Amino acid sequence: MIFAALLPVSYGAPYPFGFAELLAIPRPFAEALVLAGLAALAARRDAVSLCCLMAAALLHPLMALADLESFLPSSAWKTALFLFCALAGA
């Protein structure tokens, strides 16, 4: 999902499908914030990723679900690892 930025904006045989609309609607801005959040998540910058996720959710909540489904397992894994280390050290 992180590599979605590398895909062309139109696809299909005669290019009937596409994304990145040209109108001034919040969906392209939410797409950009979701991709920025995924890039920040890949770079292990959780605070930046969470800020991008929140901004995308304010603009278009359905588009932010893509970032949320990547962010939550990552943060849950870190929280579980932190709790395990804290309990093992106690």
N, C-alpha and C. Protein backbone atom coordinates (compact mmCIF):
# COMPACT_ATOMS: atom_id res chain seq x y z
N MET A 1 0.81 -1.18 0.00
CA MET A 1 0.00 0.00 0.00
C MET A 1 0.87 1.26 0.00
N ILE A 2 2.06 1.15 0.55
CA ILE A 2 2.95 2.30 0.57
C ILE A 2 3.37 2.68 -0.83
N PHE A 3 3.50 1.71 -1.72
CA PHE A 3 3.98 1.97 -3.06
C PHE A 3 2.87 2.42 -4.01
N ALA A 4 1.72 2.78 -3.50
CA ALA A 4 0.63 3.27 -4.35
C ALA A 4 0.99 4.60 -5.01
N ALA A 5 1.94 5.31 -4.46
CA ALA A 5 2.36 6.58 -5.05
C ALA A 5 3.08 6.37 -6.37
N LEU A 6 3.58 5.17 -6.60
CA LEU A 6 4.32 4.90 -7.83
C LEU A 6 3.42 4.51 -9.00
N LEU A 7 2.15 4.27 -8.73
CA LEU A 7 1.22 3.85 -9.78
C LEU A 7 0.82 5.03 -10.66
N PRO A 8 0.51 4.78 -11.92
CA PRO A 8 -0.01 5.88 -12.75
C PRO A 8 -1.41 6.28 -12.31
N VAL A 9 -1.83 7.50 -12.65
CA VAL A 9 -3.12 7.99 -12.18
C VAL A 9 -4.29 7.39 -12.95
N SER A 10 -4.07 6.78 -14.10
CA SER A 10 -5.16 6.11 -14.82
C SER A 10 -4.69 4.71 -15.20
N TYR A 11 -5.64 3.79 -15.20
CA TYR A 11 -5.30 2.40 -15.47
C TYR A 11 -6.47 1.73 -16.18
N GLY A 12 -6.25 0.56 -16.69
CA GLY A 12 -7.25 -0.16 -17.49
C GLY A 12 -6.83 -0.16 -18.94
N ALA A 13 -7.56 -0.90 -19.78
CA ALA A 13 -7.18 -1.01 -21.19
C ALA A 13 -7.25 0.33 -21.91
N PRO A 14 -8.42 0.94 -22.03
CA PRO A 14 -8.45 2.29 -22.63
C PRO A 14 -8.46 3.39 -21.56
N TYR A 15 -7.94 3.09 -20.38
CA TYR A 15 -7.88 4.00 -19.23
C TYR A 15 -9.26 4.48 -18.76
N PRO A 16 -10.19 3.55 -18.49
CA PRO A 16 -11.49 3.98 -17.99
C PRO A 16 -11.48 4.31 -16.50
N PHE A 17 -10.47 3.84 -15.79
CA PHE A 17 -10.43 4.06 -14.34
C PHE A 17 -9.32 5.05 -14.01
N GLY A 18 -9.52 5.79 -12.94
CA GLY A 18 -8.49 6.74 -12.54
C GLY A 18 -8.73 7.26 -11.14
N PHE A 19 -7.75 7.98 -10.65
CA PHE A 19 -7.88 8.64 -9.36
C PHE A 19 -7.16 9.98 -9.46
N ALA A 20 -7.07 10.72 -8.36
CA ALA A 20 -6.49 12.06 -8.33
C ALA A 20 -7.33 13.03 -9.17
N GLU A 21 -8.51 13.34 -8.65
CA GLU A 21 -9.44 14.20 -9.37
C GLU A 21 -8.92 15.62 -9.49
N LEU A 22 -9.39 16.32 -10.47
CA LEU A 22 -8.94 17.68 -10.73
C LEU A 22 -9.79 18.74 -10.05
N LEU A 23 -10.90 18.35 -9.46
CA LEU A 23 -11.80 19.31 -8.81
C LEU A 23 -11.28 19.68 -7.42
N ALA A 24 -11.73 20.79 -6.90
CA ALA A 24 -11.33 21.23 -5.56
C ALA A 24 -12.23 20.59 -4.51
N ILE A 25 -12.04 19.32 -4.29
CA ILE A 25 -12.78 18.58 -3.28
C ILE A 25 -11.75 18.03 -2.28
N PRO A 26 -12.16 17.63 -1.10
CA PRO A 26 -11.18 17.23 -0.09
C PRO A 26 -10.51 15.88 -0.35
N ARG A 27 -11.01 15.07 -1.26
CA ARG A 27 -10.46 13.74 -1.47
C ARG A 27 -8.99 13.75 -1.92
N PRO A 28 -8.57 14.58 -2.88
CA PRO A 28 -7.15 14.57 -3.25
C PRO A 28 -6.22 15.01 -2.12
N PHE A 29 -6.69 15.95 -1.30
CA PHE A 29 -5.88 16.39 -0.17
C PHE A 29 -5.78 15.28 0.87
N ALA A 30 -6.86 14.55 1.07
CA ALA A 30 -6.82 13.42 2.00
C ALA A 30 -5.92 12.31 1.45
N GLU A 31 -5.95 12.09 0.12
CA GLU A 31 -5.05 11.11 -0.49
C GLU A 31 -3.60 11.48 -0.23
N ALA A 32 -3.28 12.74 -0.40
CA ALA A 32 -1.91 13.20 -0.19
C ALA A 32 -1.49 13.04 1.27
N LEU A 33 -2.39 13.34 2.19
CA LEU A 33 -2.07 13.20 3.60
C LEU A 33 -1.93 11.73 4.00
N VAL A 34 -2.76 10.86 3.42
CA VAL A 34 -2.65 9.43 3.71
C VAL A 34 -1.31 8.90 3.20
N LEU A 35 -0.92 9.28 1.99
CA LEU A 35 0.37 8.83 1.47
C LEU A 35 1.53 9.40 2.27
N ALA A 36 1.41 10.63 2.73
CA ALA A 36 2.45 11.20 3.58
C ALA A 36 2.51 10.47 4.93
N GLY A 37 1.34 10.11 5.44
CA GLY A 37 1.30 9.35 6.69
C GLY A 37 1.91 7.97 6.54
N LEU A 38 1.65 7.32 5.41
CA LEU A 38 2.26 6.01 5.17
C LEU A 38 3.77 6.12 5.00
N ALA A 39 4.23 7.18 4.35
CA ALA A 39 5.67 7.39 4.22
C ALA A 39 6.31 7.64 5.58
N ALA A 40 5.64 8.42 6.42
CA ALA A 40 6.16 8.67 7.77
C ALA A 40 6.14 7.40 8.60
N LEU A 41 5.14 6.56 8.42
CA LEU A 41 5.07 5.30 9.14
C LEU A 41 6.19 4.37 8.70
N ALA A 42 6.50 4.37 7.41
CA ALA A 42 7.60 3.54 6.92
C ALA A 42 8.94 4.04 7.44
N ALA A 43 9.03 5.35 7.69
CA ALA A 43 10.26 5.93 8.23
C ALA A 43 10.29 5.88 9.76
N ARG A 44 9.31 5.23 10.36
CA ARG A 44 9.19 5.07 11.82
C ARG A 44 9.04 6.41 12.55
N ARG A 45 8.31 7.31 11.92
CA ARG A 45 8.00 8.60 12.55
C ARG A 45 6.52 8.59 12.89
N ASP A 46 6.20 7.97 14.02
CA ASP A 46 4.81 7.72 14.39
C ASP A 46 4.03 8.99 14.67
N ALA A 47 4.67 9.98 15.27
CA ALA A 47 3.95 11.22 15.59
C ALA A 47 3.55 11.96 14.31
N VAL A 48 4.44 12.00 13.33
CA VAL A 48 4.12 12.64 12.06
C VAL A 48 3.03 11.86 11.34
N SER A 49 3.12 10.54 11.40
CA SER A 49 2.10 9.70 10.76
C SER A 49 0.73 9.91 11.41
N LEU A 50 0.71 10.02 12.71
CA LEU A 50 -0.56 10.23 13.41
C LEU A 50 -1.14 11.61 13.08
N CYS A 51 -0.29 12.62 12.97
CA CYS A 51 -0.76 13.96 12.60
C CYS A 51 -1.35 13.97 11.19
N CYS A 52 -0.68 13.27 10.27
CA CYS A 52 -1.21 13.17 8.90
C CYS A 52 -2.53 12.41 8.89
N LEU A 53 -2.62 11.37 9.71
CA LEU A 53 -3.85 10.59 9.80
C LEU A 53 -5.00 11.44 10.32
N MET A 54 -4.74 12.23 11.35
CA MET A 54 -5.80 13.07 11.91
C MET A 54 -6.24 14.14 10.92
N ALA A 55 -5.28 14.74 10.22
CA ALA A 55 -5.64 15.76 9.23
C ALA A 55 -6.43 15.15 8.08
N ALA A 56 -6.04 13.96 7.63
CA ALA A 56 -6.79 13.28 6.57
C ALA A 56 -8.18 12.90 7.04
N ALA A 57 -8.31 12.51 8.31
CA ALA A 57 -9.62 12.15 8.84
C ALA A 57 -10.53 13.37 8.94
N LEU A 58 -9.95 14.53 9.20
CA LEU A 58 -10.77 15.75 9.23
C LEU A 58 -11.28 16.11 7.84
N LEU A 59 -10.46 15.87 6.83
CA LEU A 59 -10.86 16.21 5.47
C LEU A 59 -11.82 15.18 4.87
N HIS A 60 -11.45 13.91 4.98
CA HIS A 60 -12.26 12.85 4.37
C HIS A 60 -12.06 11.56 5.19
N PRO A 61 -12.99 11.25 6.10
CA PRO A 61 -12.80 10.11 7.00
C PRO A 61 -12.64 8.77 6.30
N LEU A 62 -13.32 8.56 5.19
CA LEU A 62 -13.20 7.26 4.50
C LEU A 62 -11.82 7.07 3.89
N MET A 63 -11.22 8.13 3.41
CA MET A 63 -9.88 8.02 2.85
C MET A 63 -8.86 7.77 3.95
N ALA A 64 -9.12 8.26 5.14
CA ALA A 64 -8.18 8.08 6.25
C ALA A 64 -8.19 6.65 6.79
N LEU A 65 -9.20 5.87 6.46
CA LEU A 65 -9.24 4.49 6.92
C LEU A 65 -8.08 3.66 6.37
N ALA A 66 -7.59 4.01 5.19
CA ALA A 66 -6.46 3.29 4.61
C ALA A 66 -5.22 3.46 5.47
N ASP A 67 -4.98 4.66 5.96
CA ASP A 67 -3.84 4.90 6.82
C ASP A 67 -4.08 4.32 8.20
N LEU A 68 -5.30 4.36 8.65
CA LEU A 68 -5.62 3.85 9.98
C LEU A 68 -5.39 2.34 10.06
N GLU A 69 -5.74 1.63 9.00
CA GLU A 69 -5.55 0.18 9.02
C GLU A 69 -4.08 -0.21 8.94
N SER A 70 -3.22 0.71 8.58
CA SER A 70 -1.78 0.46 8.61
C SER A 70 -1.16 0.95 9.92
N PHE A 71 -1.70 2.05 10.45
CA PHE A 71 -1.13 2.65 11.66
C PHE A 71 -1.45 1.85 12.91
N LEU A 72 -2.66 1.37 13.04
CA LEU A 72 -3.06 0.68 14.28
C LEU A 72 -2.28 -0.60 14.54
N PRO A 73 -2.10 -1.50 13.56
CA PRO A 73 -1.29 -2.68 13.87
C PRO A 73 0.16 -2.33 14.20
N SER A 74 0.69 -1.32 13.57
CA SER A 74 2.06 -0.91 13.87
C SER A 74 2.17 -0.37 15.29
N SER A 75 1.25 0.48 15.68
CA SER A 75 1.31 1.04 17.03
C SER A 75 0.94 0.00 18.08
N ALA A 76 0.05 -0.92 17.75
CA ALA A 76 -0.32 -1.97 18.70
C ALA A 76 0.87 -2.91 18.93
N TRP A 77 1.63 -3.20 17.88
CA TRP A 77 2.81 -4.05 18.03
C TRP A 77 3.83 -3.37 18.94
N LYS A 78 4.05 -2.09 18.77
CA LYS A 78 5.01 -1.37 19.60
C LYS A 78 4.54 -1.29 21.04
N THR A 79 3.24 -1.09 21.23
CA THR A 79 2.70 -1.02 22.59
C THR A 79 2.82 -2.38 23.28
N ALA A 80 2.52 -3.45 22.55
CA ALA A 80 2.63 -4.78 23.14
C ALA A 80 4.08 -5.11 23.46
N LEU A 81 4.99 -4.73 22.58
CA LEU A 81 6.41 -4.96 22.83
C LEU A 81 6.89 -4.16 24.03
N PHE A 82 6.43 -2.91 24.14
CA PHE A 82 6.79 -2.07 25.29
C PHE A 82 6.26 -2.66 26.59
N LEU A 83 5.01 -3.12 26.58
CA LEU A 83 4.44 -3.72 27.79
C LEU A 83 5.17 -5.00 28.17
N PHE A 84 5.53 -5.80 27.18
CA PHE A 84 6.26 -7.04 27.45
C PHE A 84 7.61 -6.74 28.08
N CYS A 85 8.32 -5.74 27.53
CA CYS A 85 9.62 -5.37 28.09
C CYS A 85 9.48 -4.79 29.48
N ALA A 86 8.43 -4.00 29.70
CA ALA A 86 8.22 -3.40 31.01
C ALA A 86 7.89 -4.48 32.05
N LEU A 87 7.07 -5.45 31.67
CA LEU A 87 6.72 -6.52 32.60
C LEU A 87 7.89 -7.48 32.83
N ALA A 88 8.68 -7.70 31.81
CA ALA A 88 9.83 -8.60 31.96
C ALA A 88 10.90 -7.95 32.82
N GLY A 89 11.00 -6.63 32.76
CA GLY A 89 12.00 -5.94 33.57
C GLY A 89 11.56 -5.72 35.01
N ALA A 90 10.26 -5.84 35.27
CA ALA A 90 9.76 -5.56 36.62
C ALA A 90 9.91 -6.72 37.56
